[in-house]
Amino acid sequence: MGRTFSNLRADIRRHDARLARLGPIRAFRMVWSQAGLQALVVYRLGRWLKAHARRPFLWPLMLLLAPLYLLLQSWVRWAYDIHLGLDAEIGPGLYIGHLGGIRLAACRLGRRCAIQQEVRLLPAEAGGSGPEIGDEVWIGAHSSITGPLAIGTRATISAGSVVTADVAPRCLVLGDPARVIRWDFDNSSFL
């Protein structure tokens, strides 16, 4: 339970670093007003339920929270078009910049990543493994990374890119198919 809440706290702080000193009311307002944070809260609840499903002493709580999760997940998918599959491993501090068309399934995202609208991180085929994204990676709008690819730490995937091969750390890639435009690129200014 502690890991789930620490991940959620990192997600919220990623949207506004001042929350560390402004308290839970501001955090609640932030979650209430940000679609990306709402999607992450629902995802973290679903992962917590999945991780604790085999503990019989929690089943009464599960009976209350499971229908709530299904309702909230349906809302997030319908209202915001954000699909965060429970088979995706999302590290703490994810920033979802815009809503709409986001699909994450069977993938792994590292710490402090950022994704924009219409991003797809999916396996190449049903039941396959998806991409592994390193820490502090920025993925631009309308980008697609499909299959068991590795994206290095602090890489930058520009808008509209279709990644078909592994990406080295600290690289800027763009295009369809994506190719390296710049090595040793610093994405900290917009990450």
N, C-alpha and C. Protein backbone atom coordinates (compact mmCIF):
# COMPACT_ATOMS: atom_id res chain seq x y z
N MET A 1 0.83 -1.19 0.00
CA MET A 1 0.00 0.00 0.00
C MET A 1 0.87 1.25 0.00
N GLY A 2 2.00 1.19 0.70
CA GLY A 2 2.89 2.33 0.78
C GLY A 2 3.48 2.71 -0.56
N ARG A 3 3.84 1.70 -1.36
CA ARG A 3 4.43 1.97 -2.68
C ARG A 3 3.41 2.63 -3.61
N THR A 4 2.16 2.18 -3.56
CA THR A 4 1.12 2.76 -4.39
C THR A 4 0.94 4.24 -4.07
N PHE A 5 0.88 4.56 -2.77
CA PHE A 5 0.68 5.95 -2.39
C PHE A 5 1.91 6.81 -2.66
N SER A 6 3.10 6.25 -2.52
CA SER A 6 4.30 7.03 -2.85
C SER A 6 4.37 7.30 -4.35
N ASN A 7 3.97 6.34 -5.17
CA ASN A 7 3.91 6.56 -6.63
C ASN A 7 2.88 7.63 -6.97
N LEU A 8 1.72 7.55 -6.33
CA LEU A 8 0.67 8.54 -6.58
C LEU A 8 1.12 9.93 -6.12
N ARG A 9 1.77 10.01 -4.98
CA ARG A 9 2.28 11.28 -4.48
C ARG A 9 3.30 11.86 -5.48
N ALA A 10 4.15 11.01 -6.04
CA ALA A 10 5.12 11.47 -7.05
C ALA A 10 4.41 11.95 -8.31
N ASP A 11 3.33 11.28 -8.71
CA ASP A 11 2.55 11.72 -9.88
C ASP A 11 1.98 13.12 -9.65
N ILE A 12 1.41 13.32 -8.46
CA ILE A 12 0.80 14.62 -8.14
C ILE A 12 1.86 15.71 -8.06
N ARG A 13 2.97 15.42 -7.41
CA ARG A 13 4.05 16.41 -7.29
C ARG A 13 4.65 16.76 -8.65
N ARG A 14 4.61 15.82 -9.56
CA ARG A 14 5.14 16.06 -10.90
C ARG A 14 4.36 17.15 -11.61
N HIS A 15 3.07 17.24 -11.31
CA HIS A 15 2.23 18.27 -11.93
C HIS A 15 2.42 19.63 -11.27
N ASP A 16 2.78 19.65 -9.99
CA ASP A 16 3.00 20.91 -9.30
C ASP A 16 3.93 20.67 -8.11
N ALA A 17 5.17 21.08 -8.24
CA ALA A 17 6.17 20.83 -7.19
C ALA A 17 5.84 21.54 -5.89
N ARG A 18 5.01 22.58 -5.93
CA ARG A 18 4.65 23.31 -4.71
C ARG A 18 3.76 22.51 -3.78
N LEU A 19 3.21 21.39 -4.26
CA LEU A 19 2.30 20.60 -3.43
C LEU A 19 2.98 20.00 -2.20
N ALA A 20 4.27 19.87 -2.23
CA ALA A 20 4.99 19.31 -1.08
C ALA A 20 4.78 20.16 0.16
N ARG A 21 4.56 21.46 -0.02
CA ARG A 21 4.40 22.32 1.14
C ARG A 21 3.01 22.93 1.26
N LEU A 22 2.14 22.70 0.30
CA LEU A 22 0.82 23.32 0.34
C LEU A 22 -0.29 22.40 0.82
N GLY A 23 -0.03 21.14 0.97
CA GLY A 23 -0.96 20.26 1.63
C GLY A 23 -1.95 19.51 0.76
N PRO A 24 -2.77 18.67 1.43
CA PRO A 24 -3.67 17.76 0.72
C PRO A 24 -4.84 18.44 0.02
N ILE A 25 -5.28 19.59 0.47
CA ILE A 25 -6.42 20.25 -0.18
C ILE A 25 -6.03 20.70 -1.58
N ARG A 26 -4.86 21.27 -1.71
CA ARG A 26 -4.38 21.67 -3.05
C ARG A 26 -4.16 20.44 -3.93
N ALA A 27 -3.67 19.37 -3.34
CA ALA A 27 -3.48 18.13 -4.11
C ALA A 27 -4.82 17.62 -4.62
N PHE A 28 -5.85 17.64 -3.78
CA PHE A 28 -7.17 17.20 -4.21
C PHE A 28 -7.69 18.08 -5.34
N ARG A 29 -7.53 19.39 -5.22
CA ARG A 29 -7.95 20.30 -6.29
C ARG A 29 -7.22 20.01 -7.60
N MET A 30 -5.93 19.71 -7.47
CA MET A 30 -5.13 19.41 -8.65
C MET A 30 -5.66 18.15 -9.34
N VAL A 31 -5.91 17.11 -8.57
CA VAL A 31 -6.44 15.87 -9.14
C VAL A 31 -7.82 16.12 -9.76
N TRP A 32 -8.63 16.90 -9.08
CA TRP A 32 -9.99 17.18 -9.55
C TRP A 32 -9.97 17.90 -10.90
N SER A 33 -8.98 18.74 -11.13
CA SER A 33 -8.98 19.58 -12.33
C SER A 33 -8.12 19.04 -13.47
N GLN A 34 -7.34 18.01 -13.25
CA GLN A 34 -6.42 17.50 -14.27
C GLN A 34 -6.83 16.10 -14.72
N ALA A 35 -7.20 15.97 -15.99
CA ALA A 35 -7.64 14.68 -16.52
C ALA A 35 -6.53 13.62 -16.45
N GLY A 36 -5.31 14.00 -16.74
CA GLY A 36 -4.20 13.06 -16.69
C GLY A 36 -3.98 12.51 -15.30
N LEU A 37 -4.10 13.37 -14.30
CA LEU A 37 -3.95 12.91 -12.91
C LEU A 37 -5.10 12.00 -12.51
N GLN A 38 -6.30 12.31 -12.95
CA GLN A 38 -7.43 11.44 -12.64
C GLN A 38 -7.21 10.05 -13.21
N ALA A 39 -6.71 9.99 -14.44
CA ALA A 39 -6.43 8.70 -15.06
C ALA A 39 -5.38 7.94 -14.26
N LEU A 40 -4.35 8.64 -13.78
CA LEU A 40 -3.30 7.98 -12.99
C LEU A 40 -3.82 7.51 -11.64
N VAL A 41 -4.70 8.27 -11.01
CA VAL A 41 -5.29 7.84 -9.73
C VAL A 41 -6.08 6.55 -9.93
N VAL A 42 -6.87 6.49 -11.00
CA VAL A 42 -7.65 5.29 -11.29
C VAL A 42 -6.72 4.12 -11.61
N TYR A 43 -5.68 4.36 -12.38
CA TYR A 43 -4.70 3.31 -12.70
C TYR A 43 -4.05 2.79 -11.42
N ARG A 44 -3.59 3.68 -10.55
CA ARG A 44 -2.94 3.26 -9.30
C ARG A 44 -3.90 2.47 -8.42
N LEU A 45 -5.18 2.86 -8.39
CA LEU A 45 -6.18 2.10 -7.63
C LEU A 45 -6.32 0.70 -8.22
N GLY A 46 -6.40 0.58 -9.53
CA GLY A 46 -6.52 -0.72 -10.18
C GLY A 46 -5.32 -1.61 -9.93
N ARG A 47 -4.12 -1.03 -9.98
CA ARG A 47 -2.91 -1.82 -9.69
C ARG A 47 -2.89 -2.28 -8.23
N TRP A 48 -3.34 -1.42 -7.32
CA TRP A 48 -3.40 -1.81 -5.91
C TRP A 48 -4.39 -2.96 -5.72
N LEU A 49 -5.56 -2.86 -6.34
CA LEU A 49 -6.55 -3.94 -6.24
C LEU A 49 -6.00 -5.24 -6.82
N LYS A 50 -5.33 -5.16 -7.95
CA LYS A 50 -4.76 -6.36 -8.58
C LYS A 50 -3.68 -6.99 -7.70
N ALA A 51 -2.84 -6.16 -7.10
CA ALA A 51 -1.75 -6.67 -6.26
C ALA A 51 -2.24 -7.30 -4.96
N HIS A 52 -3.39 -6.85 -4.46
CA HIS A 52 -3.88 -7.33 -3.17
C HIS A 52 -5.10 -8.24 -3.28
N ALA A 53 -5.39 -8.74 -4.46
CA ALA A 53 -6.59 -9.56 -4.68
C ALA A 53 -6.54 -10.90 -3.95
N ARG A 54 -5.38 -11.40 -3.64
CA ARG A 54 -5.26 -12.72 -3.00
C ARG A 54 -5.17 -12.65 -1.48
N ARG A 55 -5.44 -11.52 -0.91
CA ARG A 55 -5.40 -11.38 0.54
C ARG A 55 -6.82 -11.41 1.08
N PRO A 56 -7.23 -12.52 1.68
CA PRO A 56 -8.63 -12.67 2.11
C PRO A 56 -9.11 -11.62 3.11
N PHE A 57 -8.23 -11.12 3.96
CA PHE A 57 -8.68 -10.14 4.94
C PHE A 57 -9.02 -8.79 4.29
N LEU A 58 -8.62 -8.57 3.04
CA LEU A 58 -8.96 -7.34 2.32
C LEU A 58 -10.18 -7.48 1.42
N TRP A 59 -10.75 -8.68 1.33
CA TRP A 59 -11.87 -8.89 0.42
C TRP A 59 -13.07 -7.99 0.71
N PRO A 60 -13.43 -7.72 1.96
CA PRO A 60 -14.56 -6.78 2.16
C PRO A 60 -14.28 -5.40 1.56
N LEU A 61 -13.04 -4.94 1.69
CA LEU A 61 -12.67 -3.66 1.09
C LEU A 61 -12.68 -3.76 -0.43
N MET A 62 -12.23 -4.91 -0.95
CA MET A 62 -12.23 -5.13 -2.39
C MET A 62 -13.65 -5.09 -2.97
N LEU A 63 -14.61 -5.62 -2.22
CA LEU A 63 -15.99 -5.62 -2.69
C LEU A 63 -16.52 -4.20 -2.86
N LEU A 64 -15.99 -3.27 -2.10
CA LEU A 64 -16.39 -1.87 -2.24
C LEU A 64 -15.59 -1.16 -3.33
N LEU A 65 -14.30 -1.42 -3.36
CA LEU A 65 -13.42 -0.67 -4.26
C LEU A 65 -13.43 -1.17 -5.70
N ALA A 66 -13.64 -2.47 -5.92
CA ALA A 66 -13.61 -3.00 -7.28
C ALA A 66 -14.70 -2.39 -8.17
N PRO A 67 -15.97 -2.31 -7.72
CA PRO A 67 -16.97 -1.64 -8.57
C PRO A 67 -16.67 -0.15 -8.78
N LEU A 68 -16.12 0.49 -7.75
CA LEU A 68 -15.74 1.90 -7.89
C LEU A 68 -14.65 2.04 -8.95
N TYR A 69 -13.67 1.16 -8.91
CA TYR A 69 -12.60 1.19 -9.90
C TYR A 69 -13.16 1.00 -11.31
N LEU A 70 -14.03 0.01 -11.50
CA LEU A 70 -14.60 -0.24 -12.83
C LEU A 70 -15.39 0.96 -13.34
N LEU A 71 -16.13 1.60 -12.45
CA LEU A 71 -16.88 2.79 -12.83
C LEU A 71 -15.95 3.94 -13.21
N LEU A 72 -14.93 4.18 -12.39
CA LEU A 72 -13.98 5.26 -12.67
C LEU A 72 -13.16 4.98 -13.93
N GLN A 73 -12.77 3.72 -14.12
CA GLN A 73 -12.01 3.37 -15.32
C GLN A 73 -12.86 3.61 -16.58
N SER A 74 -14.13 3.25 -16.51
CA SER A 74 -15.03 3.50 -17.65
C SER A 74 -15.16 5.00 -17.92
N TRP A 75 -15.24 5.78 -16.84
CA TRP A 75 -15.35 7.23 -16.99
C TRP A 75 -14.09 7.80 -17.67
N VAL A 76 -12.93 7.40 -17.20
CA VAL A 76 -11.68 7.91 -17.76
C VAL A 76 -11.56 7.53 -19.24
N ARG A 77 -11.93 6.32 -19.57
CA ARG A 77 -11.84 5.88 -20.97
C ARG A 77 -12.86 6.59 -21.85
N TRP A 78 -14.05 6.80 -21.34
CA TRP A 78 -15.10 7.44 -22.13
C TRP A 78 -14.90 8.95 -22.22
N ALA A 79 -14.67 9.59 -21.10
CA ALA A 79 -14.60 11.06 -21.07
C ALA A 79 -13.27 11.60 -21.58
N TYR A 80 -12.16 10.93 -21.27
CA TYR A 80 -10.84 11.46 -21.61
C TYR A 80 -10.12 10.66 -22.69
N ASP A 81 -10.63 9.50 -23.04
CA ASP A 81 -10.00 8.62 -24.03
C ASP A 81 -8.56 8.30 -23.65
N ILE A 82 -8.37 7.98 -22.35
CA ILE A 82 -7.07 7.55 -21.84
C ILE A 82 -7.21 6.11 -21.38
N HIS A 83 -6.47 5.20 -22.01
CA HIS A 83 -6.53 3.78 -21.69
C HIS A 83 -5.18 3.35 -21.10
N LEU A 84 -5.14 3.21 -19.78
CA LEU A 84 -3.94 2.76 -19.09
C LEU A 84 -4.19 1.33 -18.62
N GLY A 85 -3.68 0.37 -19.35
CA GLY A 85 -3.90 -1.03 -19.01
C GLY A 85 -3.19 -1.41 -17.73
N LEU A 86 -3.80 -2.30 -16.97
CA LEU A 86 -3.20 -2.74 -15.71
C LEU A 86 -1.95 -3.59 -15.94
N ASP A 87 -1.75 -4.06 -17.18
CA ASP A 87 -0.53 -4.81 -17.48
C ASP A 87 0.64 -3.88 -17.81
N ALA A 88 0.40 -2.59 -17.85
CA ALA A 88 1.47 -1.60 -18.03
C ALA A 88 2.07 -1.28 -16.66
N GLU A 89 3.39 -1.21 -16.60
CA GLU A 89 4.07 -0.84 -15.36
C GLU A 89 4.52 0.61 -15.50
N ILE A 90 3.84 1.49 -14.79
CA ILE A 90 4.11 2.92 -14.88
C ILE A 90 4.86 3.36 -13.64
N GLY A 91 6.05 3.88 -13.83
CA GLY A 91 6.86 4.36 -12.72
C GLY A 91 6.30 5.63 -12.11
N PRO A 92 6.84 6.02 -10.96
CA PRO A 92 6.33 7.22 -10.29
C PRO A 92 6.67 8.49 -11.06
N GLY A 93 5.79 9.47 -10.93
CA GLY A 93 6.05 10.78 -11.51
C GLY A 93 5.70 10.91 -12.98
N LEU A 94 4.77 10.11 -13.49
CA LEU A 94 4.36 10.25 -14.89
C LEU A 94 3.58 11.55 -15.06
N TYR A 95 3.85 12.24 -16.14
CA TYR A 95 3.11 13.46 -16.49
C TYR A 95 2.36 13.20 -17.79
N ILE A 96 1.03 13.29 -17.73
CA ILE A 96 0.20 13.17 -18.93
C ILE A 96 -0.23 14.59 -19.28
N GLY A 97 0.39 15.15 -20.31
CA GLY A 97 0.20 16.55 -20.64
C GLY A 97 -1.16 16.89 -21.22
N HIS A 98 -1.71 16.04 -22.03
CA HIS A 98 -2.99 16.30 -22.68
C HIS A 98 -3.78 15.01 -22.70
N LEU A 99 -5.08 15.12 -22.85
CA LEU A 99 -5.89 13.91 -22.90
C LEU A 99 -6.26 13.57 -24.33
N GLY A 100 -6.70 12.37 -24.53
CA GLY A 100 -7.21 11.93 -25.82
C GLY A 100 -6.30 10.98 -26.56
N GLY A 101 -6.81 9.81 -26.83
CA GLY A 101 -6.12 8.85 -27.68
C GLY A 101 -4.91 8.18 -27.07
N ILE A 102 -4.76 8.21 -25.76
CA ILE A 102 -3.59 7.61 -25.12
C ILE A 102 -3.86 6.14 -24.86
N ARG A 103 -2.95 5.28 -25.32
CA ARG A 103 -3.07 3.84 -25.14
C ARG A 103 -1.76 3.29 -24.61
N LEU A 104 -1.77 2.73 -23.40
CA LEU A 104 -0.60 2.09 -22.81
C LEU A 104 -1.00 0.68 -22.39
N ALA A 105 -0.30 -0.32 -22.91
CA ALA A 105 -0.59 -1.71 -22.55
C ALA A 105 0.69 -2.53 -22.64
N ALA A 106 0.87 -3.42 -21.69
CA ALA A 106 1.99 -4.37 -21.66
C ALA A 106 3.34 -3.69 -21.88
N CYS A 107 3.50 -2.50 -21.33
CA CYS A 107 4.75 -1.76 -21.47
C CYS A 107 5.28 -1.40 -20.08
N ARG A 108 6.47 -0.82 -20.06
CA ARG A 108 7.07 -0.38 -18.81
C ARG A 108 7.60 1.03 -19.01
N LEU A 109 7.15 1.95 -18.15
CA LEU A 109 7.64 3.32 -18.17
C LEU A 109 8.45 3.57 -16.91
N GLY A 110 9.58 4.21 -17.07
CA GLY A 110 10.43 4.53 -15.93
C GLY A 110 9.91 5.73 -15.14
N ARG A 111 10.77 6.24 -14.28
CA ARG A 111 10.43 7.37 -13.42
C ARG A 111 10.42 8.67 -14.20
N ARG A 112 9.48 9.56 -13.83
CA ARG A 112 9.41 10.94 -14.31
C ARG A 112 9.36 11.05 -15.84
N CYS A 113 8.58 10.20 -16.47
CA CYS A 113 8.38 10.31 -17.91
C CYS A 113 7.24 11.28 -18.19
N ALA A 114 7.13 11.73 -19.43
CA ALA A 114 6.05 12.61 -19.85
C ALA A 114 5.52 12.13 -21.19
N ILE A 115 4.20 12.06 -21.30
CA ILE A 115 3.57 11.68 -22.57
C ILE A 115 2.51 12.71 -22.92
N GLN A 116 2.26 12.85 -24.20
CA GLN A 116 1.28 13.80 -24.69
C GLN A 116 0.11 13.04 -25.31
N GLN A 117 -0.80 13.76 -25.96
CA GLN A 117 -1.99 13.13 -26.52
C GLN A 117 -1.65 12.22 -27.70
N GLU A 118 -2.53 11.25 -27.90
CA GLU A 118 -2.44 10.28 -29.01
C GLU A 118 -1.16 9.44 -29.00
N VAL A 119 -0.60 9.21 -27.82
CA VAL A 119 0.59 8.37 -27.69
C VAL A 119 0.16 6.92 -27.56
N ARG A 120 0.85 6.04 -28.26
CA ARG A 120 0.55 4.62 -28.21
C ARG A 120 1.82 3.85 -27.85
N LEU A 121 1.76 3.14 -26.72
CA LEU A 121 2.84 2.25 -26.28
C LEU A 121 2.20 0.88 -26.13
N LEU A 122 2.36 0.04 -27.14
CA LEU A 122 1.61 -1.21 -27.22
C LEU A 122 2.51 -2.36 -27.66
N PRO A 123 2.09 -3.60 -27.35
CA PRO A 123 2.80 -4.75 -27.90
C PRO A 123 2.50 -4.88 -29.40
N ALA A 124 3.38 -5.54 -30.13
CA ALA A 124 3.18 -5.71 -31.56
C ALA A 124 2.01 -6.64 -31.86
N GLU A 125 1.79 -7.62 -30.99
CA GLU A 125 0.68 -8.55 -31.18
C GLU A 125 0.05 -8.84 -29.82
N ALA A 126 -1.16 -9.30 -29.83
CA ALA A 126 -1.86 -9.60 -28.58
C ALA A 126 -1.07 -10.63 -27.77
N GLY A 127 -0.90 -10.36 -26.50
CA GLY A 127 -0.17 -11.26 -25.63
C GLY A 127 1.34 -11.07 -25.66
N GLY A 128 1.84 -10.23 -26.54
CA GLY A 128 3.27 -9.97 -26.63
C GLY A 128 3.72 -8.93 -25.61
N SER A 129 4.99 -8.65 -25.63
CA SER A 129 5.50 -7.63 -24.71
C SER A 129 5.64 -6.30 -25.45
N GLY A 130 5.41 -5.24 -24.71
CA GLY A 130 5.49 -3.91 -25.27
C GLY A 130 6.83 -3.27 -25.01
N PRO A 131 6.95 -1.99 -25.29
CA PRO A 131 8.23 -1.30 -25.14
C PRO A 131 8.63 -1.08 -23.68
N GLU A 132 9.93 -0.95 -23.47
CA GLU A 132 10.48 -0.60 -22.16
C GLU A 132 11.07 0.80 -22.28
N ILE A 133 10.48 1.72 -21.56
CA ILE A 133 10.86 3.12 -21.62
C ILE A 133 11.70 3.44 -20.39
N GLY A 134 12.84 4.06 -20.58
CA GLY A 134 13.71 4.41 -19.46
C GLY A 134 13.18 5.58 -18.65
N ASP A 135 13.97 6.04 -17.70
CA ASP A 135 13.59 7.17 -16.84
C ASP A 135 13.71 8.49 -17.61
N GLU A 136 12.83 9.43 -17.24
CA GLU A 136 12.84 10.81 -17.75
C GLU A 136 12.83 10.89 -19.28
N VAL A 137 11.94 10.13 -19.87
CA VAL A 137 11.78 10.14 -21.32
C VAL A 137 10.57 11.01 -21.66
N TRP A 138 10.70 11.84 -22.66
CA TRP A 138 9.59 12.67 -23.14
C TRP A 138 9.11 12.11 -24.46
N ILE A 139 7.79 11.85 -24.55
CA ILE A 139 7.20 11.28 -25.76
C ILE A 139 6.16 12.26 -26.28
N GLY A 140 6.38 12.78 -27.46
CA GLY A 140 5.52 13.80 -28.05
C GLY A 140 4.21 13.27 -28.60
N ALA A 141 3.34 14.20 -28.92
CA ALA A 141 1.99 13.89 -29.40
C ALA A 141 2.03 13.04 -30.68
N HIS A 142 1.06 12.16 -30.79
CA HIS A 142 0.86 11.31 -31.97
C HIS A 142 2.04 10.38 -32.25
N SER A 143 2.79 10.04 -31.21
CA SER A 143 3.92 9.11 -31.38
C SER A 143 3.46 7.69 -31.11
N SER A 144 4.13 6.75 -31.73
CA SER A 144 3.79 5.34 -31.58
C SER A 144 5.07 4.53 -31.37
N ILE A 145 5.06 3.72 -30.31
CA ILE A 145 6.16 2.80 -30.04
C ILE A 145 5.52 1.43 -29.84
N THR A 146 5.74 0.53 -30.77
CA THR A 146 5.07 -0.76 -30.77
C THR A 146 6.09 -1.88 -30.75
N GLY A 147 5.83 -2.86 -29.90
CA GLY A 147 6.69 -4.03 -29.84
C GLY A 147 7.71 -3.96 -28.71
N PRO A 148 8.55 -4.98 -28.61
CA PRO A 148 9.51 -5.07 -27.51
C PRO A 148 10.76 -4.21 -27.75
N LEU A 149 10.58 -2.91 -27.83
CA LEU A 149 11.69 -1.99 -28.07
C LEU A 149 12.18 -1.40 -26.75
N ALA A 150 13.41 -0.95 -26.73
CA ALA A 150 13.99 -0.31 -25.55
C ALA A 150 14.29 1.15 -25.88
N ILE A 151 13.76 2.03 -25.06
CA ILE A 151 14.00 3.47 -25.20
C ILE A 151 14.87 3.89 -24.02
N GLY A 152 16.04 4.43 -24.29
CA GLY A 152 17.01 4.76 -23.26
C GLY A 152 16.59 5.92 -22.37
N THR A 153 17.23 6.01 -21.23
CA THR A 153 16.98 7.07 -20.25
C THR A 153 17.23 8.44 -20.87
N ARG A 154 16.31 9.37 -20.58
CA ARG A 154 16.37 10.77 -21.02
C ARG A 154 16.32 10.93 -22.54
N ALA A 155 15.78 9.95 -23.22
CA ALA A 155 15.57 10.08 -24.67
C ALA A 155 14.37 10.98 -24.92
N THR A 156 14.29 11.52 -26.12
CA THR A 156 13.19 12.39 -26.51
C THR A 156 12.62 11.87 -27.83
N ILE A 157 11.34 11.54 -27.80
CA ILE A 157 10.64 11.07 -29.00
C ILE A 157 9.78 12.23 -29.46
N SER A 158 10.08 12.83 -30.58
CA SER A 158 9.35 14.02 -30.99
C SER A 158 7.97 13.67 -31.52
N ALA A 159 7.15 14.69 -31.67
CA ALA A 159 5.76 14.51 -32.08
C ALA A 159 5.66 13.81 -33.43
N GLY A 160 4.71 12.90 -33.53
CA GLY A 160 4.44 12.20 -34.77
C GLY A 160 5.43 11.11 -35.13
N SER A 161 6.31 10.75 -34.23
CA SER A 161 7.32 9.74 -34.53
C SER A 161 6.74 8.33 -34.45
N VAL A 162 7.21 7.46 -35.32
CA VAL A 162 6.87 6.05 -35.28
C VAL A 162 8.18 5.31 -35.03
N VAL A 163 8.36 4.84 -33.82
CA VAL A 163 9.62 4.20 -33.43
C VAL A 163 9.58 2.73 -33.81
N THR A 164 10.56 2.31 -34.59
CA THR A 164 10.62 0.93 -35.07
C THR A 164 11.89 0.21 -34.63
N ALA A 165 12.77 0.92 -33.91
CA ALA A 165 14.02 0.32 -33.43
C ALA A 165 14.35 0.91 -32.06
N ASP A 166 15.26 0.26 -31.35
CA ASP A 166 15.68 0.76 -30.04
C ASP A 166 16.26 2.17 -30.18
N VAL A 167 16.12 2.94 -29.08
CA VAL A 167 16.63 4.31 -29.05
C VAL A 167 17.64 4.41 -27.92
N ALA A 168 18.82 4.93 -28.21
CA ALA A 168 19.88 5.07 -27.21
C ALA A 168 19.53 6.18 -26.21
N PRO A 169 20.13 6.16 -25.03
CA PRO A 169 19.89 7.22 -24.05
C PRO A 169 20.29 8.60 -24.58
N ARG A 170 19.55 9.62 -24.15
CA ARG A 170 19.82 11.03 -24.44
C ARG A 170 19.82 11.34 -25.94
N CYS A 171 19.00 10.64 -26.71
CA CYS A 171 18.89 10.90 -28.14
C CYS A 171 17.58 11.61 -28.44
N LEU A 172 17.59 12.44 -29.46
CA LEU A 172 16.39 13.04 -29.99
C LEU A 172 16.08 12.32 -31.29
N VAL A 173 14.88 11.72 -31.37
CA VAL A 173 14.48 11.02 -32.59
C VAL A 173 13.20 11.64 -33.12
N LEU A 174 13.05 11.58 -34.45
CA LEU A 174 11.81 12.03 -35.06
C LEU A 174 11.62 11.37 -36.40
N GLY A 175 10.39 11.38 -36.87
CA GLY A 175 10.07 10.88 -38.20
C GLY A 175 9.33 9.56 -38.19
N ASP A 176 8.99 9.12 -39.41
CA ASP A 176 8.30 7.86 -39.61
C ASP A 176 9.02 7.12 -40.74
N PRO A 177 9.88 6.19 -40.46
CA PRO A 177 10.28 5.66 -39.15
C PRO A 177 11.22 6.63 -38.44
N ALA A 178 11.20 6.57 -37.12
CA ALA A 178 12.00 7.49 -36.32
C ALA A 178 13.49 7.22 -36.51
N ARG A 179 14.25 8.30 -36.60
CA ARG A 179 15.71 8.19 -36.71
C ARG A 179 16.34 9.24 -35.81
N VAL A 180 17.56 8.99 -35.41
CA VAL A 180 18.26 9.88 -34.50
C VAL A 180 18.61 11.17 -35.23
N ILE A 181 18.19 12.28 -34.66
CA ILE A 181 18.48 13.60 -35.21
C ILE A 181 19.63 14.25 -34.46
N ARG A 182 19.67 13.95 -33.15
CA ARG A 182 20.72 14.55 -32.33
C ARG A 182 21.11 13.61 -31.20
N TRP A 183 22.40 13.41 -31.02
CA TRP A 183 22.92 12.63 -29.90
C TRP A 183 23.18 13.57 -28.74
N ASP A 184 23.18 13.03 -27.54
CA ASP A 184 23.45 13.80 -26.33
C ASP A 184 22.54 15.01 -26.23
N PHE A 185 21.25 14.79 -26.42
CA PHE A 185 20.24 15.85 -26.36
C PHE A 185 19.75 16.00 -24.93
N ASP A 186 19.65 17.22 -24.44
CA ASP A 186 19.19 17.49 -23.07
C ASP A 186 17.71 17.87 -23.10
N ASN A 187 16.84 16.98 -22.59
CA ASN A 187 15.41 17.25 -22.60
C ASN A 187 14.90 17.85 -21.31
N SER A 188 15.78 18.28 -20.42
CA SER A 188 15.35 18.76 -19.10
C SER A 188 14.56 20.06 -19.16
N SER A 189 14.71 20.87 -20.21
CA SER A 189 13.98 22.13 -20.28
C SER A 189 12.47 21.95 -20.46
N PHE A 190 12.04 20.88 -21.10
CA PHE A 190 10.61 20.66 -21.27
C PHE A 190 10.12 19.38 -20.62
N LEU A 191 10.98 18.68 -19.94
CA LEU A 191 10.55 17.47 -19.25
C LEU A 191 9.91 17.84 -17.95
